[in-house]
């Protein structure tokens, strides 16, 4: 093996190591993001189920329905802001 061939082989090996390290880092980032998304989705499901149950419970009481509507209206802005703040723009 010539010096040049040896040098090219070492360069390729270094490059493969570099790619492997970056892939591990990217994979770890992906695992963290999937975990966050799963947690957020589960929280949203619990929130929606809670609202549905409260609507069902208040169905025969116009005052309770109005109070729930007012509460939802007052929390809509902060919820929309939180969703917008944590939404990655489409590329």
PDB file of N, CA and C in Angstrom:
ATOM      1  N   UNK A   1       0.852  -1.163   0.000  1.00  0.00           N
ATOM      2  CA  UNK A   1       0.000   0.000   0.000  1.00  0.00           C
ATOM      3  C   UNK A   1       0.904   1.235   0.000  1.00  0.00           C
ATOM      4  N   UNK A   2       0.611   2.130  -0.895  1.00  0.00           N
ATOM      5  CA  UNK A   2       1.407   3.353  -0.968  1.00  0.00           C
ATOM      6  C   UNK A   2       0.961   4.329   0.112  1.00  0.00           C
ATOM      7  N   UNK A   3       1.787   5.331   0.305  1.00  0.00           N
ATOM      8  CA  UNK A   3       1.467   6.362   1.288  1.00  0.00           C
ATOM      9  C   UNK A   3       0.169   7.070   0.907  1.00  0.00           C
ATOM     10  N   UNK A   4      -0.011   7.336  -0.365  1.00  0.00           N
ATOM     11  CA  UNK A   4      -1.218   8.023  -0.825  1.00  0.00           C
ATOM     12  C   UNK A   4      -2.465   7.181  -0.575  1.00  0.00           C
ATOM     13  N   UNK A   5      -2.380   5.891  -0.846  1.00  0.00           N
ATOM     14  CA  UNK A   5      -3.520   5.003  -0.599  1.00  0.00           C
ATOM     15  C   UNK A   5      -3.831   4.928   0.900  1.00  0.00           C
ATOM     16  N   UNK A   6      -2.801   4.846   1.686  1.00  0.00           N
ATOM     17  CA  UNK A   6      -2.948   4.809   3.133  1.00  0.00           C
ATOM     18  C   UNK A   6      -3.603   6.102   3.627  1.00  0.00           C
ATOM     19  N   UNK A   7      -3.160   7.224   3.114  1.00  0.00           N
ATOM     20  CA  UNK A   7      -3.716   8.529   3.498  1.00  0.00           C
ATOM     21  C   UNK A   7      -5.196   8.616   3.123  1.00  0.00           C
ATOM     22  N   UNK A   8      -5.564   8.173   1.920  1.00  0.00           N
ATOM     23  CA  UNK A   8      -6.964   8.192   1.488  1.00  0.00           C
ATOM     24  C   UNK A   8      -7.823   7.284   2.359  1.00  0.00           C
ATOM     25  N   UNK A   9      -7.276   6.142   2.712  1.00  0.00           N
ATOM     26  CA  UNK A   9      -7.998   5.218   3.567  1.00  0.00           C
ATOM     27  C   UNK A   9      -8.248   5.833   4.952  1.00  0.00           C
ATOM     28  N   UNK A  10      -7.243   6.480   5.502  1.00  0.00           N
ATOM     29  CA  UNK A  10      -7.402   7.139   6.802  1.00  0.00           C
ATOM     30  C   UNK A  10      -8.407   8.292   6.716  1.00  0.00           C
ATOM     31  N   UNK A  11      -8.362   9.036   5.629  1.00  0.00           N
ATOM     32  CA  UNK A  11      -9.303  10.141   5.448  1.00  0.00           C
ATOM     33  C   UNK A  11     -10.730   9.613   5.393  1.00  0.00           C
ATOM     34  N   UNK A  12     -10.947   8.532   4.660  1.00  0.00           N
ATOM     35  CA  UNK A  12     -12.281   7.943   4.560  1.00  0.00           C
ATOM     36  C   UNK A  12     -12.745   7.412   5.914  1.00  0.00           C
ATOM     37  N   UNK A  13     -11.855   6.806   6.643  1.00  0.00           N
ATOM     38  CA  UNK A  13     -12.188   6.303   7.969  1.00  0.00           C
ATOM     39  C   UNK A  13     -12.572   7.455   8.902  1.00  0.00           C
ATOM     40  N   UNK A  14     -11.790   8.524   8.877  1.00  0.00           N
ATOM     41  CA  UNK A  14     -12.125   9.697   9.681  1.00  0.00           C
ATOM     42  C   UNK A  14     -13.499  10.257   9.302  1.00  0.00           C
ATOM     43  N   UNK A  15     -13.772  10.285   8.024  1.00  0.00           N
ATOM     44  CA  UNK A  15     -15.054  10.809   7.551  1.00  0.00           C
ATOM     45  C   UNK A  15     -16.200   9.921   8.021  1.00  0.00           C
ATOM     46  N   UNK A  16     -16.033   8.609   7.949  1.00  0.00           N
ATOM     47  CA  UNK A  16     -17.076   7.699   8.420  1.00  0.00           C
ATOM     48  C   UNK A  16     -17.312   7.844   9.920  1.00  0.00           C
ATOM     49  N   UNK A  17     -16.260   8.041  10.681  1.00  0.00           N
ATOM     50  CA  UNK A  17     -16.396   8.265  12.121  1.00  0.00           C
ATOM     51  C   UNK A  17     -17.158   9.559  12.365  1.00  0.00           C
ATOM     52  N   UNK A  18     -16.811  10.590  11.624  1.00  0.00           N
ATOM     53  CA  UNK A  18     -17.501  11.874  11.738  1.00  0.00           C
ATOM     54  C   UNK A  18     -18.996  11.714  11.449  1.00  0.00           C
ATOM     55  N   UNK A  19     -19.330  10.993  10.383  1.00  0.00           N
ATOM     56  CA  UNK A  19     -20.733  10.778  10.042  1.00  0.00           C
ATOM     57  C   UNK A  19     -21.444   9.991  11.133  1.00  0.00           C
ATOM     58  N   UNK A  20     -20.788   8.996  11.672  1.00  0.00           N
ATOM     59  CA  UNK A  20     -21.381   8.186  12.731  1.00  0.00           C
ATOM     60  C   UNK A  20     -21.670   8.997  13.968  1.00  0.00           C
ATOM     61  N   UNK A  21     -20.747   9.850  14.365  1.00  0.00           N
ATOM     62  CA  UNK A  21     -20.946  10.699  15.540  1.00  0.00           C
ATOM     63  C   UNK A  21     -22.116  11.648  15.304  1.00  0.00           C
ATOM     64  N   UNK A  22     -22.197  12.237  14.136  1.00  0.00           N
ATOM     65  CA  UNK A  22     -23.304  13.148  13.830  1.00  0.00           C
ATOM     66  C   UNK A  22     -24.638  12.417  13.780  1.00  0.00           C
ATOM     67  N   UNK A  23     -24.642  11.198  13.261  1.00  0.00           N
ATOM     68  CA  UNK A  23     -25.882  10.434  13.196  1.00  0.00           C
ATOM     69  C   UNK A  23     -26.368  10.089  14.597  1.00  0.00           C
ATOM     70  N   UNK A  24     -25.463   9.751  15.501  1.00  0.00           N
ATOM     71  CA  UNK A  24     -25.853   9.444  16.874  1.00  0.00           C
ATOM     72  C   UNK A  24     -26.457  10.680  17.519  1.00  0.00           C
ATOM     73  N   UNK A  25     -25.837  11.824  17.326  1.00  0.00           N
ATOM     74  CA  UNK A  25     -26.344  13.075  17.884  1.00  0.00           C
ATOM     75  C   UNK A  25     -27.720  13.402  17.305  1.00  0.00           C
ATOM     76  N   UNK A  26     -27.883  13.264  16.002  1.00  0.00           N
ATOM     77  CA  UNK A  26     -29.167  13.535  15.359  1.00  0.00           C
ATOM     78  C   UNK A  26     -30.240  12.571  15.869  1.00  0.00           C
ATOM     79  N   UNK A  27     -29.865  11.309  16.066  1.00  0.00           N
ATOM     80  CA  UNK A  27     -30.810  10.307  16.551  1.00  0.00           C
ATOM     81  C   UNK A  27     -31.260  10.643  17.972  1.00  0.00           C
ATOM     82  N   UNK A  28     -30.333  11.070  18.802  1.00  0.00           N
ATOM     83  CA  UNK A  28     -30.689  11.454  20.176  1.00  0.00           C
ATOM     84  C   UNK A  28     -31.625  12.663  20.166  1.00  0.00           C
ATOM     85  N   UNK A  29     -31.348  13.643  19.320  1.00  0.00           N
ATOM     86  CA  UNK A  29     -32.228  14.809  19.194  1.00  0.00           C
ATOM     87  C   UNK A  29     -33.626  14.388  18.751  1.00  0.00           C
ATOM     88  N   UNK A  30     -33.686  13.452  17.830  1.00  0.00           N
ATOM     89  CA  UNK A  30     -34.969  12.958  17.334  1.00  0.00           C
ATOM     90  C   UNK A  30     -35.746  12.247  18.439  1.00  0.00           C
ATOM     91  N   UNK A  31     -35.053  11.436  19.242  1.00  0.00           N
ATOM     92  CA  UNK A  31     -35.714  10.743  20.347  1.00  0.00           C
ATOM     93  C   UNK A  31     -36.293  11.740  21.354  1.00  0.00           C
ATOM     94  N   UNK A  32     -35.552  12.791  21.653  1.00  0.00           N
ATOM     95  CA  UNK A  32     -36.026  13.808  22.591  1.00  0.00           C
ATOM     96  C   UNK A  32     -37.265  14.504  22.030  1.00  0.00           C
ATOM     97  N   UNK A  33     -37.234  14.858  20.749  1.00  0.00           N
ATOM     98  CA  UNK A  33     -38.373  15.551  20.137  1.00  0.00           C
ATOM     99  C   UNK A  33     -39.606  14.657  20.093  1.00  0.00           C
ATOM    100  N   UNK A  34     -39.434  13.374  19.777  1.00  0.00           N
ATOM    101  CA  UNK A  34     -40.572  12.450  19.751  1.00  0.00           C
ATOM    102  C   UNK A  34     -41.184  12.343  21.144  1.00  0.00           C
ATOM    103  N   UNK A  35     -40.338  12.282  22.153  1.00  0.00           N
ATOM    104  CA  UNK A  35     -40.819  12.209  23.534  1.00  0.00           C
ATOM    105  C   UNK A  35     -41.622  13.454  23.895  1.00  0.00           C
ATOM    106  N   UNK A  36     -41.105  14.631  23.523  1.00  0.00           N
ATOM    107  CA  UNK A  36     -41.823  15.878  23.802  1.00  0.00           C
ATOM    108  C   UNK A  36     -43.170  15.899  23.074  1.00  0.00           C
ATOM    109  N   UNK A  37     -43.170  15.506  21.802  1.00  0.00           N
ATOM    110  CA  UNK A  37     -44.410  15.517  21.023  1.00  0.00           C
ATOM    111  C   UNK A  37     -45.435  14.568  21.618  1.00  0.00           C
ATOM    112  N   UNK A  38     -44.993  13.397  22.037  1.00  0.00           N
ATOM    113  CA  UNK A  38     -45.905  12.421  22.633  1.00  0.00           C
ATOM    114  C   UNK A  38     -46.517  12.982  23.904  1.00  0.00           C
ATOM    115  N   UNK A  39     -45.699  13.616  24.718  1.00  0.00           N
ATOM    116  CA  UNK A  39     -46.192  14.213  25.958  1.00  0.00           C
ATOM    117  C   UNK A  39     -47.199  15.323  25.673  1.00  0.00           C
ATOM    118  N   UNK A  40     -46.902  16.154  24.702  1.00  0.00           N
ATOM    119  CA  UNK A  40     -47.805  17.253  24.336  1.00  0.00           C
ATOM    120  C   UNK A  40     -49.113  16.702  23.785  1.00  0.00           C
ATOM    121  N   UNK A  41     -49.031  15.690  22.934  1.00  0.00           N
ATOM    122  CA  UNK A  41     -50.243  15.103  22.364  1.00  0.00           C
ATOM    123  C   UNK A  41     -51.107  14.487  23.455  1.00  0.00           C
ATOM    124  N   UNK A  42     -50.480  13.802  24.404  1.00  0.00           N
ATOM    125  CA  UNK A  42     -51.241  13.201  25.497  1.00  0.00           C
ATOM    126  C   UNK A  42     -51.908  14.282  26.350  1.00  0.00           C
ATOM    127  N   UNK A  43     -51.207  15.376  26.582  1.00  0.00           N
ATOM    128  CA  UNK A  43     -51.789  16.486  27.347  1.00  0.00           C
ATOM    129  C   UNK A  43     -52.995  17.076  26.609  1.00  0.00           C
ATOM    130  N   UNK A  44     -52.881  17.208  25.297  1.00  0.00           N
ATOM    131  CA  UNK A  44     -53.991  17.749  24.510  1.00  0.00           C
ATOM    132  C   UNK A  44     -55.199  16.818  24.565  1.00  0.00           C
ATOM    133  N   UNK A  45     -54.970  15.516  24.512  1.00  0.00           N
ATOM    134  CA  UNK A  45     -56.073  14.554  24.588  1.00  0.00           C
ATOM    135  C   UNK A  45     -56.775  14.670  25.939  1.00  0.00           C
ATOM    136  N   UNK A  46     -55.998  14.755  27.010  1.00  0.00           N
ATOM    137  CA  UNK A  46     -56.582  14.893  28.351  1.00  0.00           C
ATOM    138  C   UNK A  46     -57.393  16.191  28.441  1.00  0.00           C
ATOM    139  N   UNK A  47     -56.856  17.272  27.905  1.00  0.00           N
ATOM    140  CA  UNK A  47     -57.559  18.557  27.916  1.00  0.00           C
ATOM    141  C   UNK A  47     -58.885  18.457  27.170  1.00  0.00           C
ATOM    142  N   UNK A  48     -58.875  17.904  25.984  1.00  0.00           N
ATOM    143  CA  UNK A  48     -60.088  17.792  25.172  1.00  0.00           C
ATOM    144  C   UNK A  48     -61.107  16.887  25.843  1.00  0.00           C
ATOM    145  N   UNK A  49     -60.649  15.780  26.411  1.00  0.00           N
ATOM    146  CA  UNK A  49     -61.569  14.877  27.105  1.00  0.00           C
ATOM    147  C   UNK A  49     -62.194  15.565  28.320  1.00  0.00           C
ATOM    148  N   UNK A  50     -61.394  16.359  29.016  1.00  0.00           N
ATOM    149  CA  UNK A  50     -61.911  17.097  30.168  1.00  0.00           C
ATOM    150  C   UNK A  50     -62.968  18.106  29.768  1.00  0.00           C
ATOM    151  N   UNK A  51     -62.723  18.814  28.688  1.00  0.00           N
ATOM    152  CA  UNK A  51     -63.706  19.792  28.195  1.00  0.00           C
ATOM    153  C   UNK A  51     -64.993  19.076  27.774  1.00  0.00           C
ATOM    154  N   UNK A  52     -64.836  17.961  27.087  1.00  0.00           N
ATOM    155  CA  UNK A  52     -66.017  17.203  26.654  1.00  0.00           C
ATOM    156  C   UNK A  52     -66.831  16.733  27.854  1.00  0.00           C
ATOM    157  N   UNK A  53     -66.160  16.252  28.881  1.00  0.00           N
ATOM    158  CA  UNK A  53     -66.867  15.793  30.075  1.00  0.00           C
ATOM    159  C   UNK A  53     -67.571  16.946  30.781  1.00  0.00           C
ATOM    160  N   UNK A  54     -66.906  18.082  30.869  1.00  0.00           N
ATOM    161  CA  UNK A  54     -67.522  19.246  31.519  1.00  0.00           C
ATOM    162  C   UNK A  54     -68.733  19.743  30.734  1.00  0.00           C
ATOM    163  N   UNK A  55     -68.657  19.689  29.404  1.00  0.00           N
ATOM    164  CA  UNK A  55     -69.818  20.060  28.581  1.00  0.00           C
ATOM    165  C   UNK A  55     -70.978  19.090  28.821  1.00  0.00           C
ATOM    166  N   UNK A  56     -70.645  17.815  28.878  1.00  0.00           N
ATOM    167  CA  UNK A  56     -71.661  16.794  29.125  1.00  0.00           C
ATOM    168  C   UNK A  56     -72.307  17.007  30.498  1.00  0.00           C
ATOM    169  N   UNK A  57     -71.471  17.276  31.508  1.00  0.00           N
ATOM    170  CA  UNK A  57     -71.981  17.489  32.864  1.00  0.00           C
ATOM    171  C   UNK A  57     -72.863  18.734  32.955  1.00  0.00           C
ATOM    172  N   UNK A  58     -72.562  19.746  32.158  1.00  0.00           N
ATOM    173  CA  UNK A  58     -73.291  21.013  32.226  1.00  0.00           C
ATOM    174  C   UNK A  58     -74.456  21.082  31.250  1.00  0.00           C
ATOM    175  N   UNK A  59     -74.731  20.024  30.529  1.00  0.00           N
ATOM    176  CA  UNK A  59     -75.714  20.042  29.446  1.00  0.00           C
ATOM    177  C   UNK A  59     -77.084  20.547  29.874  1.00  0.00           C
ATOM    178  N   UNK A  60     -77.540  20.221  31.061  1.00  0.00           N
ATOM    179  CA  UNK A  60     -78.877  20.644  31.478  1.00  0.00           C
ATOM    180  C   UNK A  60     -78.888  21.954  32.247  1.00  0.00           C
ATOM    181  N   UNK A  61     -77.755  22.590  32.380  1.00  0.00           N
ATOM    182  CA  UNK A  61     -77.668  23.806  33.206  1.00  0.00           C
ATOM    183  C   UNK A  61     -77.104  24.956  32.370  1.00  0.00           C
ATOM    184  N   UNK A  62     -77.975  25.849  31.882  1.00  0.00           N
ATOM    185  CA  UNK A  62     -77.519  26.949  31.028  1.00  0.00           C
ATOM    186  C   UNK A  62     -76.484  27.852  31.707  1.00  0.00           C
ATOM    187  N   UNK A  63     -76.583  28.035  32.999  1.00  0.00           N
ATOM    188  CA  UNK A  63     -75.621  28.875  33.715  1.00  0.00           C
ATOM    189  C   UNK A  63     -74.241  28.217  33.707  1.00  0.00           C
ATOM    190  N   UNK A  64     -74.193  26.904  33.927  1.00  0.00           N
ATOM    191  CA  UNK A  64     -72.918  26.180  33.914  1.00  0.00           C
ATOM    192  C   UNK A  64     -72.308  26.164  32.509  1.00  0.00           C
ATOM    193  N   UNK A  65     -73.161  26.007  31.488  1.00  0.00           N
ATOM    194  CA  UNK A  65     -72.675  26.037  30.102  1.00  0.00           C
ATOM    195  C   UNK A  65     -72.073  27.405  29.799  1.00  0.00           C
ATOM    196  N   UNK A  66     -72.750  28.440  30.217  1.00  0.00           N
ATOM    197  CA  UNK A  66     -72.243  29.809  29.973  1.00  0.00           C
ATOM    198  C   UNK A  66     -70.924  30.036  30.706  1.00  0.00           C
ATOM    199  N   UNK A  67     -70.814  29.563  31.951  1.00  0.00           N
ATOM    200  CA  UNK A  67     -69.579  29.720  32.727  1.00  0.00           C
ATOM    201  C   UNK A  67     -68.428  28.971  32.054  1.00  0.00           C
ATOM    202  N   UNK A  68     -68.711  27.765  31.558  1.00  0.00           N
ATOM    203  CA  UNK A  68     -67.674  26.998  30.868  1.00  0.00           C
ATOM    204  C   UNK A  68     -67.255  27.692  29.578  1.00  0.00           C
ATOM    205  N   UNK A  69     -68.218  28.222  28.835  1.00  0.00           N
ATOM    206  CA  UNK A  69     -67.901  28.954  27.599  1.00  0.00           C
ATOM    207  C   UNK A  69     -67.033  30.163  27.901  1.00  0.00           C
ATOM    208  N   UNK A  70     -67.368  30.894  28.963  1.00  0.00           N
ATOM    209  CA  UNK A  70     -66.562  32.057  29.348  1.00  0.00           C
ATOM    210  C   UNK A  70     -65.142  31.652  29.735  1.00  0.00           C
ATOM    211  N   UNK A  71     -65.031  30.552  30.479  1.00  0.00           N
ATOM    212  CA  UNK A  71     -63.703  30.072  30.888  1.00  0.00           C
ATOM    213  C   UNK A  71     -62.875  29.658  29.673  1.00  0.00           C
ATOM    214  N   UNK A  72     -63.495  28.947  28.744  1.00  0.00           N
ATOM    215  CA  UNK A  72     -62.780  28.524  27.532  1.00  0.00           C
ATOM    216  C   UNK A  72     -62.365  29.729  26.693  1.00  0.00           C
ATOM    217  N   UNK A  73     -63.243  30.708  26.603  1.00  0.00           N
ATOM    218  CA  UNK A  73     -62.936  31.916  25.831  1.00  0.00           C
ATOM    219  C   UNK A  73     -61.744  32.662  26.450  1.00  0.00           C
ATOM    220  N   UNK A  74     -61.705  32.733  27.777  1.00  0.00           N
ATOM    221  CA  UNK A  74     -60.618  33.463  28.436  1.00  0.00           C
ATOM    222  C   UNK A  74     -59.283  32.731  28.338  1.00  0.00           C
ATOM    223  N   UNK A  75     -59.315  31.405  28.201  1.00  0.00           N
ATOM    224  CA  UNK A  75     -58.056  30.665  28.101  1.00  0.00           C
ATOM    225  C   UNK A  75     -57.635  30.420  26.658  1.00  0.00           C
ATOM    226  N   UNK A  76     -58.466  30.797  25.697  1.00  0.00           N
ATOM    227  CA  UNK A  76     -58.150  30.543  24.283  1.00  0.00           C
ATOM    228  C   UNK A  76     -56.909  31.304  23.834  1.00  0.00           C
ATOM    229  N   UNK A  77     -56.775  32.566  24.248  1.00  0.00           N
ATOM    230  CA  UNK A  77     -55.616  33.373  23.840  1.00  0.00           C
ATOM    231  C   UNK A  77     -54.300  32.793  24.313  1.00  0.00           C
ATOM    232  N   UNK A  78     -54.154  32.520  25.618  1.00  0.00           N
ATOM    233  CA  UNK A  78     -52.903  31.927  26.095  1.00  0.00           C
ATOM    234  C   UNK A  78     -52.605  30.561  25.464  1.00  0.00           C
ATOM    235  N   UNK A  79     -53.652  29.763  25.245  1.00  0.00           N
ATOM    236  CA  UNK A  79     -53.443  28.459  24.618  1.00  0.00           C
ATOM    237  C   UNK A  79     -52.958  28.633  23.173  1.00  0.00           C
ATOM    238  N   UNK A  80     -53.589  29.532  22.429  1.00  0.00           N
ATOM    239  CA  UNK A  80     -53.173  29.792  21.040  1.00  0.00           C
ATOM    240  C   UNK A  80     -51.743  30.309  20.995  1.00  0.00           C
ATOM    241  N   UNK A  81     -51.390  31.182  21.933  1.00  0.00           N
ATOM    242  CA  UNK A  81     -50.019  31.700  21.993  1.00  0.00           C
ATOM    243  C   UNK A  81     -49.016  30.584  22.273  1.00  0.00           C
ATOM    244  N   UNK A  82     -49.368  29.680  23.186  1.00  0.00           N
ATOM    245  CA  UNK A  82     -48.464  28.570  23.527  1.00  0.00           C
ATOM    246  C   UNK A  82     -48.282  27.637  22.341  1.00  0.00           C
ATOM    247  N   UNK A  83     -49.361  27.354  21.633  1.00  0.00           N
ATOM    248  CA  UNK A  83     -49.260  26.483  20.449  1.00  0.00           C
ATOM    249  C   UNK A  83     -48.405  27.146  19.386  1.00  0.00           C
ATOM    250  N   UNK A  84     -48.643  28.427  19.133  1.00  0.00           N
ATOM    251  CA  UNK A  84     -47.868  29.150  18.119  1.00  0.00           C
ATOM    252  C   UNK A  84     -46.392  29.219  18.498  1.00  0.00           C
ATOM    253  N   UNK A  85     -46.103  29.412  19.769  1.00  0.00           N
ATOM    254  CA  UNK A  85     -44.714  29.512  20.217  1.00  0.00           C
ATOM    255  C   UNK A  85     -43.967  28.200  20.070  1.00  0.00           C
ATOM    256  N   UNK A  86     -44.685  27.079  20.090  1.00  0.00           N
ATOM    257  CA  UNK A  86     -44.042  25.766  20.023  1.00  0.00           C
ATOM    258  C   UNK A  86     -44.271  25.060  18.702  1.00  0.00           C
ATOM    259  N   UNK A  87     -44.692  25.810  17.700  1.00  0.00           N
ATOM    260  CA  UNK A  87     -44.912  25.239  16.364  1.00  0.00           C
ATOM    261  C   UNK A  87     -43.745  25.618  15.461  1.00  0.00           C
ATOM    262  N   UNK A  88     -43.146  24.602  14.869  1.00  0.00           N
ATOM    263  CA  UNK A  88     -42.040  24.841  13.947  1.00  0.00           C
ATOM    264  C   UNK A  88     -42.627  25.206  12.594  1.00  0.00           C
ATOM    265  N   UNK A  89     -42.191  26.335  12.007  1.00  0.00           N
ATOM    266  CA  UNK A  89     -42.728  26.733  10.699  1.00  0.00           C
ATOM    267  C   UNK A  89     -42.432  25.690   9.620  1.00  0.00           C
ATOM    268  N   UNK A  90     -43.363  25.518   8.719  1.00  0.00           N
ATOM    269  CA  UNK A  90     -43.158  24.601   7.594  1.00  0.00           C
ATOM    270  C   UNK A  90     -42.097  25.146   6.672  1.00  0.00           C
ATOM    271  N   UNK A  91     -41.295  24.253   6.154  1.00  0.00           N
ATOM    272  CA  UNK A  91     -40.202  24.671   5.257  1.00  0.00           C
ATOM    273  C   UNK A  91     -40.604  24.461   3.828  1.00  0.00           C
TER     274      UNK A  91
END
